[in-house]
């Protein structure tokens, strides 16, 4: 098997994992770490009275909320027909 074929095979297996329940749960977990960072940014912006940094943190929070909602929707759509869970 050529190197290109191996890379394509690995790429498709990674894409399959991303749309499985374990993959979605992993994405939600990493999103939680992003939330911690955003909370720190908001606290720092409030402490320094920096409106621009606060706006940036709030925009990040909005993106995080939207991304989490999309992940939860996809997790709900998967239902019980996930092949990896048997």
N, C-alpha and C. Protein backbone atom coordinates (compact mmCIF):
# COMPACT_ATOMS: atom_id res chain seq x y z
N UNK A 1 0.85 -1.17 0.00
CA UNK A 1 0.00 0.00 0.00
C UNK A 1 0.90 1.23 0.00
N UNK A 2 0.60 2.17 -0.84
CA UNK A 2 1.43 3.36 -0.95
C UNK A 2 1.21 4.30 0.24
N UNK A 3 2.12 5.22 0.39
CA UNK A 3 2.04 6.19 1.48
C UNK A 3 0.79 7.05 1.36
N UNK A 4 0.44 7.43 0.15
CA UNK A 4 -0.75 8.25 -0.07
C UNK A 4 -2.01 7.48 0.31
N UNK A 5 -2.07 6.21 -0.06
CA UNK A 5 -3.24 5.40 0.28
C UNK A 5 -3.36 5.23 1.78
N UNK A 6 -2.23 5.05 2.47
CA UNK A 6 -2.26 4.93 3.93
C UNK A 6 -2.75 6.21 4.57
N UNK A 7 -2.28 7.34 4.07
CA UNK A 7 -2.70 8.63 4.62
C UNK A 7 -4.20 8.84 4.42
N UNK A 8 -4.72 8.48 3.25
CA UNK A 8 -6.16 8.62 2.99
C UNK A 8 -6.97 7.71 3.89
N UNK A 9 -6.46 6.50 4.13
CA UNK A 9 -7.14 5.55 5.00
C UNK A 9 -7.21 6.09 6.43
N UNK A 10 -6.10 6.63 6.92
CA UNK A 10 -6.07 7.19 8.27
C UNK A 10 -6.97 8.40 8.36
N UNK A 11 -6.99 9.22 7.32
CA UNK A 11 -7.82 10.42 7.31
C UNK A 11 -9.30 10.06 7.40
N UNK A 12 -9.72 9.03 6.67
CA UNK A 12 -11.13 8.65 6.70
C UNK A 12 -11.50 8.05 8.05
N UNK A 13 -10.57 7.34 8.71
CA UNK A 13 -10.89 6.78 10.02
C UNK A 13 -10.98 7.88 11.07
N UNK A 14 -10.18 8.93 10.92
CA UNK A 14 -10.26 10.05 11.85
C UNK A 14 -11.57 10.79 11.65
N UNK A 15 -11.99 10.99 10.42
CA UNK A 15 -13.26 11.66 10.15
C UNK A 15 -14.41 10.84 10.71
N UNK A 16 -14.33 9.52 10.64
CA UNK A 16 -15.36 8.67 11.20
C UNK A 16 -15.42 8.78 12.70
N UNK A 17 -14.26 8.91 13.35
CA UNK A 17 -14.23 9.06 14.81
C UNK A 17 -14.82 10.39 15.23
N UNK A 18 -14.57 11.42 14.44
CA UNK A 18 -15.07 12.75 14.77
C UNK A 18 -16.59 12.78 14.84
N UNK A 19 -17.26 11.96 14.04
CA UNK A 19 -18.71 11.95 14.00
C UNK A 19 -19.29 10.77 14.77
N UNK A 20 -18.53 10.22 15.71
CA UNK A 20 -19.04 9.16 16.57
C UNK A 20 -19.29 9.74 17.95
N UNK A 21 -20.01 9.00 18.78
CA UNK A 21 -20.29 9.50 20.13
C UNK A 21 -19.02 9.77 20.93
N UNK A 22 -18.04 8.85 20.93
CA UNK A 22 -16.81 9.16 21.68
C UNK A 22 -16.10 10.39 21.13
N UNK A 23 -16.10 10.56 19.83
CA UNK A 23 -15.47 11.73 19.23
C UNK A 23 -16.17 13.02 19.62
N UNK A 24 -17.49 12.97 19.65
CA UNK A 24 -18.26 14.16 20.04
C UNK A 24 -18.07 14.47 21.51
N UNK A 25 -18.00 13.44 22.34
CA UNK A 25 -17.75 13.67 23.77
C UNK A 25 -16.37 14.27 23.99
N UNK A 26 -15.39 13.82 23.23
CA UNK A 26 -14.05 14.39 23.31
C UNK A 26 -14.08 15.86 22.89
N UNK A 27 -14.83 16.18 21.87
CA UNK A 27 -14.95 17.57 21.42
C UNK A 27 -15.60 18.43 22.51
N UNK A 28 -16.61 17.89 23.17
CA UNK A 28 -17.25 18.63 24.26
C UNK A 28 -16.28 18.86 25.41
N UNK A 29 -15.44 17.87 25.69
CA UNK A 29 -14.44 18.01 26.75
C UNK A 29 -13.43 19.11 26.44
N UNK A 30 -12.97 19.14 25.21
CA UNK A 30 -12.01 20.19 24.84
C UNK A 30 -12.68 21.56 24.82
N UNK A 31 -13.97 21.59 24.54
CA UNK A 31 -14.71 22.84 24.59
C UNK A 31 -14.77 23.37 26.02
N UNK A 32 -14.85 22.47 26.99
CA UNK A 32 -14.87 22.88 28.40
C UNK A 32 -13.57 23.59 28.77
N UNK A 33 -12.45 23.11 28.24
CA UNK A 33 -11.18 23.79 28.50
C UNK A 33 -11.17 25.17 27.86
N UNK A 34 -11.79 25.31 26.72
CA UNK A 34 -11.92 26.63 26.08
C UNK A 34 -12.75 27.57 26.93
N UNK A 35 -13.77 27.04 27.58
CA UNK A 35 -14.62 27.86 28.45
C UNK A 35 -13.82 28.41 29.62
N UNK A 36 -12.92 27.60 30.16
CA UNK A 36 -12.08 28.05 31.27
C UNK A 36 -11.22 29.22 30.83
N UNK A 37 -10.65 29.14 29.66
CA UNK A 37 -9.82 30.21 29.12
C UNK A 37 -10.62 31.49 28.91
N UNK A 38 -11.83 31.35 28.42
CA UNK A 38 -12.67 32.53 28.18
C UNK A 38 -13.05 33.20 29.50
N UNK A 39 -13.35 32.40 30.52
CA UNK A 39 -13.67 32.97 31.84
C UNK A 39 -12.48 33.76 32.37
N UNK A 40 -11.27 33.21 32.21
CA UNK A 40 -10.07 33.92 32.65
C UNK A 40 -9.90 35.23 31.89
N UNK A 41 -10.15 35.20 30.58
CA UNK A 41 -10.03 36.41 29.76
C UNK A 41 -11.03 37.48 30.20
N UNK A 42 -12.24 37.05 30.51
CA UNK A 42 -13.27 38.01 30.95
C UNK A 42 -12.88 38.63 32.29
N UNK A 43 -12.38 37.80 33.21
CA UNK A 43 -11.95 38.33 34.52
C UNK A 43 -10.80 39.31 34.36
N UNK A 44 -9.83 38.96 33.49
CA UNK A 44 -8.68 39.85 33.27
C UNK A 44 -9.14 41.17 32.65
N UNK A 45 -10.05 41.10 31.69
CA UNK A 45 -10.55 42.31 31.03
C UNK A 45 -11.30 43.20 32.02
N UNK A 46 -12.09 42.59 32.89
CA UNK A 46 -12.81 43.38 33.90
C UNK A 46 -11.84 44.01 34.89
N UNK A 47 -10.81 43.25 35.28
CA UNK A 47 -9.83 43.78 36.23
C UNK A 47 -9.03 44.93 35.66
N UNK A 48 -8.74 44.90 34.38
CA UNK A 48 -7.96 45.96 33.73
C UNK A 48 -8.85 47.03 33.11
N UNK A 49 -10.16 46.87 33.20
CA UNK A 49 -11.13 47.79 32.59
C UNK A 49 -10.84 47.98 31.10
N UNK A 50 -10.55 46.88 30.44
CA UNK A 50 -10.21 46.89 29.01
C UNK A 50 -11.43 46.42 28.22
N UNK A 51 -12.14 47.37 27.62
CA UNK A 51 -13.38 47.04 26.91
C UNK A 51 -13.13 46.21 25.66
N UNK A 52 -12.05 46.50 24.97
CA UNK A 52 -11.76 45.77 23.74
C UNK A 52 -11.46 44.29 24.04
N UNK A 53 -10.70 44.05 25.09
CA UNK A 53 -10.42 42.66 25.49
C UNK A 53 -11.70 41.97 25.96
N UNK A 54 -12.58 42.71 26.63
CA UNK A 54 -13.85 42.15 27.08
C UNK A 54 -14.74 41.79 25.89
N UNK A 55 -14.79 42.66 24.90
CA UNK A 55 -15.57 42.37 23.70
C UNK A 55 -15.03 41.13 23.00
N UNK A 56 -13.71 41.02 22.92
CA UNK A 56 -13.09 39.85 22.30
C UNK A 56 -13.44 38.57 23.06
N UNK A 57 -13.39 38.63 24.38
CA UNK A 57 -13.73 37.46 25.19
C UNK A 57 -15.20 37.08 25.04
N UNK A 58 -16.07 38.07 24.97
CA UNK A 58 -17.50 37.79 24.81
C UNK A 58 -17.80 37.22 23.43
N UNK A 59 -17.10 37.67 22.42
CA UNK A 59 -17.27 37.10 21.08
C UNK A 59 -16.81 35.64 21.08
N UNK A 60 -15.71 35.36 21.77
CA UNK A 60 -15.25 33.98 21.91
C UNK A 60 -16.26 33.12 22.65
N UNK A 61 -16.87 33.70 23.67
CA UNK A 61 -17.89 32.98 24.43
C UNK A 61 -19.10 32.65 23.55
N UNK A 62 -19.49 33.60 22.71
CA UNK A 62 -20.62 33.35 21.81
C UNK A 62 -20.29 32.22 20.83
N UNK A 63 -19.07 32.22 20.31
CA UNK A 63 -18.66 31.14 19.40
C UNK A 63 -18.62 29.81 20.13
N UNK A 64 -18.16 29.82 21.36
CA UNK A 64 -18.10 28.59 22.15
C UNK A 64 -19.50 28.03 22.42
N UNK A 65 -20.42 28.90 22.74
CA UNK A 65 -21.80 28.47 23.00
C UNK A 65 -22.42 27.89 21.74
N UNK A 66 -22.21 28.56 20.61
CA UNK A 66 -22.75 28.07 19.34
C UNK A 66 -22.15 26.72 18.98
N UNK A 67 -20.84 26.58 19.13
CA UNK A 67 -20.17 25.31 18.83
C UNK A 67 -20.65 24.18 19.72
N UNK A 68 -20.85 24.47 20.99
CA UNK A 68 -21.36 23.46 21.92
C UNK A 68 -22.77 23.04 21.55
N UNK A 69 -23.60 24.00 21.18
CA UNK A 69 -24.97 23.66 20.77
C UNK A 69 -24.96 22.77 19.54
N UNK A 70 -24.07 23.06 18.60
CA UNK A 70 -23.97 22.22 17.40
C UNK A 70 -23.50 20.82 17.74
N UNK A 71 -22.53 20.69 18.64
CA UNK A 71 -22.05 19.38 19.05
C UNK A 71 -23.15 18.58 19.74
N UNK A 72 -23.90 19.24 20.61
CA UNK A 72 -24.99 18.55 21.31
C UNK A 72 -26.07 18.10 20.34
N UNK A 73 -26.36 18.93 19.35
CA UNK A 73 -27.36 18.56 18.34
C UNK A 73 -26.89 17.34 17.56
N UNK A 74 -25.62 17.32 17.18
CA UNK A 74 -25.09 16.18 16.44
C UNK A 74 -25.08 14.92 17.30
N UNK A 75 -24.76 15.07 18.58
CA UNK A 75 -24.78 13.94 19.50
C UNK A 75 -26.18 13.38 19.64
N UNK A 76 -27.16 14.27 19.71
CA UNK A 76 -28.55 13.85 19.81
C UNK A 76 -29.00 13.14 18.54
N UNK A 77 -28.56 13.61 17.38
CA UNK A 77 -28.95 13.01 16.10
C UNK A 77 -28.34 11.63 15.92
N UNK A 78 -27.18 11.39 16.52
CA UNK A 78 -26.55 10.08 16.38
C UNK A 78 -27.42 8.99 16.99
N UNK A 79 -28.03 9.31 18.11
CA UNK A 79 -28.90 8.35 18.75
C UNK A 79 -28.17 7.08 19.16
N UNK A 80 -28.85 5.97 19.06
CA UNK A 80 -28.30 4.69 19.49
C UNK A 80 -27.71 3.89 18.35
N UNK A 81 -27.63 4.44 17.16
CA UNK A 81 -27.14 3.67 16.03
C UNK A 81 -25.65 3.84 15.80
N UNK A 82 -24.89 4.16 16.86
CA UNK A 82 -23.44 4.34 16.74
C UNK A 82 -22.78 2.96 16.67
N UNK A 83 -22.01 2.73 15.63
CA UNK A 83 -21.36 1.44 15.39
C UNK A 83 -20.31 1.16 16.44
N UNK A 84 -19.61 2.18 16.93
CA UNK A 84 -18.51 1.96 17.87
C UNK A 84 -18.99 1.50 19.24
N UNK A 85 -20.22 1.84 19.60
CA UNK A 85 -20.73 1.45 20.91
C UNK A 85 -21.35 0.08 20.91
N UNK A 86 -21.60 -0.49 19.77
CA UNK A 86 -22.13 -1.85 19.65
C UNK A 86 -23.56 -1.89 19.92
